[in-house]
C-alpha cells in the first residue's frame, strides 16, 4: 500500500487543467477510447508511443502557435513541436487514462572536450521527457524518441532540417 508521500505524488500527477479553455476535449476523448482498448497501464503507454511513431508528427523548434486547448491543437492539428510539446501531450494522455505522469526537464547529450577531458553541456542540449508511475515506481519515457529518434541519437543539431537554426 502506498505511503503518504506516494499518495500525494499520485494525486498531484493525475491533475488535469480545470480551465475550460484548456480542457482539451479531443485529447480526453481519444485517451478514453485508447484506454478502453488497453486496460493495462504499460500496454496503454506503449499504444500512445506507437501512435506518436506511426502518425505524421514532426519535430521542429518553430512550431505554430496553438491557442486555446493547446494539446488538442498539437495532437490533432499542427502535429509539429519540440520535446516539451511531446512530453506534455504524453503526460495529458496518461493522466486522462488515470496513470500518474509528470514532465521532467534536464539535459540530453553534450560534447566531450578532449583537451580538458570534461563535458560541455549547452542550452541546446536541454530536453524534456516524461515519467509515469507504473507498478508503483516512476519510469522514464521519452515520447520525442518515438517521433524524432535522431534528436535522441544525434542531439538537437542532427535532428533538424539543414535550414532550421539551432538556438545558442
C-alpha atoms as a PDB file:
ATOM      1  CA  UNK A   1       0.000   0.000   0.000  1.00  0.00           C
ATOM      2  CA  UNK A   2       1.441   3.415  -0.948  1.00  0.00           C
ATOM      3  CA  UNK A   3       2.642   5.697   1.802  1.00  0.00           C
ATOM      4  CA  UNK A   4       1.505   9.326   2.234  1.00  0.00           C
ATOM      5  CA  UNK A   5       4.317  10.700   0.041  1.00  0.00           C
ATOM      6  CA  UNK A   6       3.453   8.398  -2.866  1.00  0.00           C
ATOM      7  CA  UNK A   7      -0.259   9.115  -2.402  1.00  0.00           C
ATOM      8  CA  UNK A   8       0.474  12.850  -2.678  1.00  0.00           C
ATOM      9  CA  UNK A   9       2.586  12.189  -5.782  1.00  0.00           C
ATOM     10  CA  UNK A  10      -0.283  10.238  -7.325  1.00  0.00           C
ATOM     11  CA  UNK A  11      -2.836  12.994  -6.603  1.00  0.00           C
ATOM     12  CA  UNK A  12      -0.599  15.763  -7.945  1.00  0.00           C
ATOM     13  CA  UNK A  13       0.363  13.850 -11.072  1.00  0.00           C
ATOM     14  CA  UNK A  14      -3.182  12.927 -12.067  1.00  0.00           C
ATOM     15  CA  UNK A  15      -4.379  16.547 -12.105  1.00  0.00           C
ATOM     16  CA  UNK A  16      -5.606  17.931 -15.426  1.00  0.00           C
ATOM     17  CA  UNK A  17      -6.345  21.591 -16.192  1.00  0.00           C
ATOM     18  CA  UNK A  18      -9.749  22.597 -14.874  1.00  0.00           C
ATOM     19  CA  UNK A  19      -9.791  25.759 -17.001  1.00  0.00           C
ATOM     20  CA  UNK A  20     -12.441  25.193 -19.675  1.00  0.00           C
ATOM     21  CA  UNK A  21     -10.324  26.968 -22.297  1.00  0.00           C
ATOM     22  CA  UNK A  22      -7.522  24.444 -21.728  1.00  0.00           C
ATOM     23  CA  UNK A  23      -9.582  21.304 -21.148  1.00  0.00           C
ATOM     24  CA  UNK A  24      -8.539  19.635 -24.437  1.00  0.00           C
ATOM     25  CA  UNK A  25     -11.759  17.650 -25.032  1.00  0.00           C
ATOM     26  CA  UNK A  26     -10.498  15.830 -28.152  1.00  0.00           C
ATOM     27  CA  UNK A  27      -7.434  14.617 -26.263  1.00  0.00           C
ATOM     28  CA  UNK A  28      -9.565  13.386 -23.359  1.00  0.00           C
ATOM     29  CA  UNK A  29     -11.946  11.564 -25.735  1.00  0.00           C
ATOM     30  CA  UNK A  30      -9.005   9.978 -27.556  1.00  0.00           C
ATOM     31  CA  UNK A  31      -7.460   8.887 -24.234  1.00  0.00           C
ATOM     32  CA  UNK A  32     -10.736   7.279 -23.105  1.00  0.00           C
ATOM     33  CA  UNK A  33     -11.084   5.436 -26.419  1.00  0.00           C
ATOM     34  CA  UNK A  34      -7.475   4.202 -26.319  1.00  0.00           C
ATOM     35  CA  UNK A  35      -7.845   3.207 -22.656  1.00  0.00           C
ATOM     36  CA  UNK A  36     -10.857   1.022 -23.460  1.00  0.00           C
ATOM     37  CA  UNK A  37      -8.612  -0.944 -25.821  1.00  0.00           C
ATOM     38  CA  UNK A  38      -5.662  -1.093 -23.359  1.00  0.00           C
ATOM     39  CA  UNK A  39      -6.625  -1.575 -19.723  1.00  0.00           C
ATOM     40  CA  UNK A  40      -3.066  -2.456 -18.663  1.00  0.00           C
ATOM     41  CA  UNK A  41      -1.044   0.699 -17.897  1.00  0.00           C
ATOM     42  CA  UNK A  42       2.092  -0.423 -19.734  1.00  0.00           C
ATOM     43  CA  UNK A  43       0.083  -1.532 -22.789  1.00  0.00           C
ATOM     44  CA  UNK A  44      -1.664   1.861 -22.831  1.00  0.00           C
ATOM     45  CA  UNK A  45       1.671   3.726 -22.624  1.00  0.00           C
ATOM     46  CA  UNK A  46       3.084   1.587 -25.438  1.00  0.00           C
ATOM     47  CA  UNK A  47      -0.022   2.316 -27.534  1.00  0.00           C
ATOM     48  CA  UNK A  48       0.431   6.081 -27.041  1.00  0.00           C
ATOM     49  CA  UNK A  49       4.115   5.885 -28.004  1.00  0.00           C
ATOM     50  CA  UNK A  50       3.237   3.727 -31.006  1.00  0.00           C
ATOM     51  CA  UNK A  51       0.604   6.271 -32.075  1.00  0.00           C
ATOM     52  CA  UNK A  52       3.192   9.076 -31.898  1.00  0.00           C
ATOM     53  CA  UNK A  53       5.518   6.957 -34.013  1.00  0.00           C
ATOM     54  CA  UNK A  54       3.024   5.935 -36.696  1.00  0.00           C
ATOM     55  CA  UNK A  55       1.173   9.225 -37.146  1.00  0.00           C
ATOM     56  CA  UNK A  56       2.551  12.204 -39.089  1.00  0.00           C
ATOM     57  CA  UNK A  57       4.213  14.116 -36.245  1.00  0.00           C
ATOM     58  CA  UNK A  58       7.231  16.332 -36.905  1.00  0.00           C
ATOM     59  CA  UNK A  59       9.994  17.631 -34.679  1.00  0.00           C
ATOM     60  CA  UNK A  60      10.662  21.358 -35.055  1.00  0.00           C
ATOM     61  CA  UNK A  61      11.844  24.277 -32.954  1.00  0.00           C
ATOM     62  CA  UNK A  62       9.487  26.673 -34.754  1.00  0.00           C
ATOM     63  CA  UNK A  63       6.012  25.187 -34.253  1.00  0.00           C
ATOM     64  CA  UNK A  64       2.867  27.196 -34.925  1.00  0.00           C
ATOM     65  CA  UNK A  65       1.050  28.872 -32.043  1.00  0.00           C
ATOM     66  CA  UNK A  66      -1.627  26.618 -30.562  1.00  0.00           C
ATOM     67  CA  UNK A  67      -4.096  28.927 -28.780  1.00  0.00           C
ATOM     68  CA  UNK A  68      -6.924  27.522 -26.643  1.00  0.00           C
ATOM     69  CA  UNK A  69      -6.854  23.772 -25.970  1.00  0.00           C
ATOM     70  CA  UNK A  70      -3.167  23.566 -26.882  1.00  0.00           C
ATOM     71  CA  UNK A  71      -2.836  19.793 -26.530  1.00  0.00           C
ATOM     72  CA  UNK A  72      -5.815  19.271 -28.871  1.00  0.00           C
ATOM     73  CA  UNK A  73      -4.240  21.748 -31.295  1.00  0.00           C
ATOM     74  CA  UNK A  74      -0.924  19.935 -31.174  1.00  0.00           C
ATOM     75  CA  UNK A  75      -2.162  16.326 -31.308  1.00  0.00           C
ATOM     76  CA  UNK A  76      -4.963  16.792 -33.846  1.00  0.00           C
ATOM     77  CA  UNK A  77      -3.914  19.951 -35.682  1.00  0.00           C
ATOM     78  CA  UNK A  78      -0.348  21.072 -36.244  1.00  0.00           C
ATOM     79  CA  UNK A  79       1.430  17.871 -35.131  1.00  0.00           C
ATOM     80  CA  UNK A  80       4.583  19.962 -35.105  1.00  0.00           C
ATOM     81  CA  UNK A  81       6.597  20.708 -31.992  1.00  0.00           C
ATOM     82  CA  UNK A  82       9.661  20.130 -29.900  1.00  0.00           C
ATOM     83  CA  UNK A  83      10.327  17.936 -26.884  1.00  0.00           C
ATOM     84  CA  UNK A  84       8.174  19.960 -24.474  1.00  0.00           C
ATOM     85  CA  UNK A  85       5.158  19.573 -26.787  1.00  0.00           C
ATOM     86  CA  UNK A  86       5.608  15.799 -26.950  1.00  0.00           C
ATOM     87  CA  UNK A  87       6.302  15.370 -23.235  1.00  0.00           C
ATOM     88  CA  UNK A  88       3.349  17.497 -22.110  1.00  0.00           C
ATOM     89  CA  UNK A  89       0.891  15.920 -24.583  1.00  0.00           C
ATOM     90  CA  UNK A  90       2.077  12.466 -23.478  1.00  0.00           C
ATOM     91  CA  UNK A  91       1.520  13.391 -19.823  1.00  0.00           C
ATOM     92  CA  UNK A  92      -2.001  14.686 -20.540  1.00  0.00           C
ATOM     93  CA  UNK A  93      -2.838  11.452 -22.400  1.00  0.00           C
ATOM     94  CA  UNK A  94      -1.582   9.361 -19.470  1.00  0.00           C
ATOM     95  CA  UNK A  95      -3.287  11.425 -16.784  1.00  0.00           C
ATOM     96  CA  UNK A  96      -6.546  11.294 -18.744  1.00  0.00           C
ATOM     97  CA  UNK A  97      -6.272   7.494 -18.592  1.00  0.00           C
ATOM     98  CA  UNK A  98      -5.694   7.532 -14.827  1.00  0.00           C
ATOM     99  CA  UNK A  99      -1.929   6.975 -14.981  1.00  0.00           C
ATOM    100  CA  UNK A 100       0.072   9.396 -12.811  1.00  0.00           C
ATOM    101  CA  UNK A 101       2.600  11.156 -15.042  1.00  0.00           C
ATOM    102  CA  UNK A 102       4.837  14.226 -14.997  1.00  0.00           C
ATOM    103  CA  UNK A 103       7.087  16.215 -17.323  1.00  0.00           C
ATOM    104  CA  UNK A 104      10.793  16.126 -16.487  1.00  0.00           C
ATOM    105  CA  UNK A 105      13.364  18.552 -17.858  1.00  0.00           C
ATOM    106  CA  UNK A 106      17.120  18.404 -17.961  1.00  0.00           C
ATOM    107  CA  UNK A 107      19.869  17.897 -20.466  1.00  0.00           C
ATOM    108  CA  UNK A 108      20.441  15.172 -23.007  1.00  0.00           C
ATOM    109  CA  UNK A 109      23.863  14.827 -24.522  1.00  0.00           C
ATOM    110  CA  UNK A 110      26.783  17.171 -24.550  1.00  0.00           C
ATOM    111  CA  UNK A 111      30.258  17.139 -26.060  1.00  0.00           C
ATOM    112  CA  UNK A 112      33.463  15.840 -24.521  1.00  0.00           C
ATOM    113  CA  UNK A 113      36.246  18.419 -24.609  1.00  0.00           C
ATOM    114  CA  UNK A 114      39.318  16.296 -25.396  1.00  0.00           C
ATOM    115  CA  UNK A 115      41.739  18.988 -24.128  1.00  0.00           C
ATOM    116  CA  UNK A 116      40.407  19.030 -20.586  1.00  0.00           C
ATOM    117  CA  UNK A 117      38.561  15.700 -20.624  1.00  0.00           C
ATOM    118  CA  UNK A 118      35.295  17.266 -19.439  1.00  0.00           C
ATOM    119  CA  UNK A 119      31.830  17.516 -20.905  1.00  0.00           C
ATOM    120  CA  UNK A 120      30.456  20.716 -22.392  1.00  0.00           C
ATOM    121  CA  UNK A 121      26.682  20.938 -21.933  1.00  0.00           C
ATOM    122  CA  UNK A 122      24.959  23.731 -23.834  1.00  0.00           C
ATOM    123  CA  UNK A 123      21.459  25.151 -23.610  1.00  0.00           C
ATOM    124  CA  UNK A 124      20.783  23.447 -26.949  1.00  0.00           C
ATOM    125  CA  UNK A 125      21.232  20.140 -25.055  1.00  0.00           C
ATOM    126  CA  UNK A 126      18.156  20.935 -22.925  1.00  0.00           C
ATOM    127  CA  UNK A 127      15.474  18.285 -23.223  1.00  0.00           C
ATOM    128  CA  UNK A 128      12.079  17.319 -21.800  1.00  0.00           C
ATOM    129  CA  UNK A 129      10.734  13.817 -21.323  1.00  0.00           C
ATOM    130  CA  UNK A 130       8.172  12.210 -19.030  1.00  0.00           C
ATOM    131  CA  UNK A 131       7.884   9.872 -16.094  1.00  0.00           C
ATOM    132  CA  UNK A 132       4.883   7.684 -15.346  1.00  0.00           C
ATOM    133  CA  UNK A 133       4.037   5.702 -12.251  1.00  0.00           C
ATOM    134  CA  UNK A 134       3.928   2.078 -13.412  1.00  0.00           C
ATOM    135  CA  UNK A 135       3.824  -0.793 -10.963  1.00  0.00           C
ATOM    136  CA  UNK A 136       4.424   1.571  -8.049  1.00  0.00           C
ATOM    137  CA  UNK A 137       7.644   3.014  -9.499  1.00  0.00           C
ATOM    138  CA  UNK A 138       8.367   6.111 -11.546  1.00  0.00           C
ATOM    139  CA  UNK A 139       9.570   5.045 -15.006  1.00  0.00           C
ATOM    140  CA  UNK A 140      11.102   7.246 -17.678  1.00  0.00           C
ATOM    141  CA  UNK A 141       9.519   7.563 -21.138  1.00  0.00           C
ATOM    142  CA  UNK A 142      10.672   9.810 -23.953  1.00  0.00           C
ATOM    143  CA  UNK A 143       7.903  10.425 -26.489  1.00  0.00           C
ATOM    144  CA  UNK A 144      10.272  12.560 -28.565  1.00  0.00           C
ATOM    145  CA  UNK A 145      12.228   9.376 -29.306  1.00  0.00           C
ATOM    146  CA  UNK A 146       9.075   7.865 -30.827  1.00  0.00           C
ATOM    147  CA  UNK A 147       8.761  10.838 -33.193  1.00  0.00           C
ATOM    148  CA  UNK A 148      12.338  12.003 -33.753  1.00  0.00           C
ATOM    149  CA  UNK A 149      14.815   9.274 -32.823  1.00  0.00           C
ATOM    150  CA  UNK A 150      17.611  11.336 -34.385  1.00  0.00           C
ATOM    151  CA  UNK A 151      17.019  14.005 -31.680  1.00  0.00           C
ATOM    152  CA  UNK A 152      17.891  11.389 -29.085  1.00  0.00           C
ATOM    153  CA  UNK A 153      20.682   9.684 -31.024  1.00  0.00           C
ATOM    154  CA  UNK A 154      22.369  12.683 -32.663  1.00  0.00           C
ATOM    155  CA  UNK A 155      21.342  15.558 -30.423  1.00  0.00           C
ATOM    156  CA  UNK A 156      19.458  18.650 -31.429  1.00  0.00           C
ATOM    157  CA  UNK A 157      21.686  19.653 -34.352  1.00  0.00           C
ATOM    158  CA  UNK A 158      21.442  16.267 -36.022  1.00  0.00           C
ATOM    159  CA  UNK A 159      17.672  16.129 -35.825  1.00  0.00           C
ATOM    160  CA  UNK A 160      16.702  19.385 -37.513  1.00  0.00           C
ATOM    161  CA  UNK A 161      16.430  20.191 -41.203  1.00  0.00           C
ATOM    162  CA  UNK A 162      19.522  21.946 -42.551  1.00  0.00           C
ATOM    163  CA  UNK A 163      17.693  25.272 -42.916  1.00  0.00           C
ATOM    164  CA  UNK A 164      16.408  25.401 -39.313  1.00  0.00           C
ATOM    165  CA  UNK A 165      18.624  27.353 -36.911  1.00  0.00           C
ATOM    166  CA  UNK A 166      19.846  25.868 -33.638  1.00  0.00           C
ATOM    167  CA  UNK A 167      19.493  28.196 -30.658  1.00  0.00           C
ATOM    168  CA  UNK A 168      22.608  29.316 -28.840  1.00  0.00           C
END
